[in-house]
Protein backbone atom coordinates (compact mmCIF):
# COMPACT_ATOMS: atom_id res chain seq x y z
CA MET A 1 0.00 0.00 0.00
CA SER A 2 1.42 3.37 -0.97
CA LYS A 3 1.40 6.38 1.30
CA VAL A 4 -0.27 9.61 0.35
CA THR A 5 1.21 12.78 1.76
CA ILE A 6 -0.70 16.03 1.86
CA GLU A 7 0.28 19.43 3.10
CA VAL A 8 -2.29 21.23 5.22
CA THR A 9 -1.97 24.72 6.58
CA VAL A 10 -3.26 26.01 9.89
CA THR A 11 -5.64 28.25 7.97
CA GLU A 12 -7.14 25.23 6.20
CA ILE A 13 -7.56 23.39 9.48
CA LYS A 14 -9.31 26.43 10.97
CA LYS A 15 -11.72 26.43 8.03
CA LEU A 16 -12.52 22.75 8.61
CA LEU A 17 -13.17 23.02 12.35
CA PRO A 18 -16.77 24.26 12.05
CA ARG A 19 -17.58 21.12 10.05
CA LEU A 20 -16.47 18.86 12.91
CA SER A 21 -18.60 17.83 15.84
CA THR A 22 -17.64 18.81 19.36
CA GLU A 23 -16.49 15.23 20.01
CA GLU A 24 -14.28 15.25 16.91
CA ILE A 25 -12.71 18.56 17.89
CA LEU A 26 -12.01 17.29 21.41
CA LYS A 27 -10.46 14.10 19.98
CA LEU A 28 -8.30 16.19 17.64
CA ASP A 29 -7.24 18.36 20.57
CA GLU A 30 -6.31 15.25 22.55
CA GLU A 31 -4.27 13.86 19.65
CA ILE A 32 -2.44 17.18 19.21
CA HIS A 33 -1.57 17.28 22.91
CA LYS A 34 -0.30 13.67 22.81
CA TYR A 35 1.83 14.49 19.78
CA LEU A 36 3.29 17.61 21.39
CA GLU A 37 4.04 15.77 24.62
CA THR A 38 5.80 12.94 22.78
CA HIS A 39 7.70 15.36 20.54
CA THR A 40 8.85 17.40 23.55
CA MET A 41 9.97 14.29 25.44
CA MET A 42 11.89 13.03 22.42
CA ARG A 43 13.72 16.36 22.07
CA VAL A 44 14.63 16.35 25.75
CA ALA A 45 15.78 12.73 25.60
CA GLN A 46 17.86 13.39 22.50
CA THR A 47 19.98 15.95 24.33
CA SER A 48 20.89 13.39 26.99
CA PHE A 49 22.57 11.18 24.37
CA LYS A 50 24.96 13.89 23.17
CA GLU A 51 27.58 12.73 25.67
CA TRP A 52 27.63 9.36 23.89
CA GLU A 53 28.61 10.99 20.60
CA ASP A 54 32.34 10.75 21.25
CA LYS A 55 34.30 10.62 17.98
CA GLU A 56 37.33 9.11 19.74
CA GLU A 57 35.28 6.08 20.74
CA ASP A 58 34.07 5.59 17.16
CA ILE A 59 37.37 3.88 16.38
CA TYR A 60 36.00 0.75 18.08
CA TYR A 61 33.30 0.38 15.41
CA ASP A 62 35.99 -0.53 12.85
CA ILE A 63 37.18 -3.59 14.79
């Protein structure tokens, strides 16, 4: 199955909101918050791995 990618602007989403039910808007809000929380946690976690990026230790990968 092939993936279809579309680009949607904030303005377009705002125009679609009145067409959604209250329940759909609340579900969308919940999904956005979950995404933002995960994205934020991933960014924070990524910074903790910087100390592992030691070029001098990369020589052991060639063994």
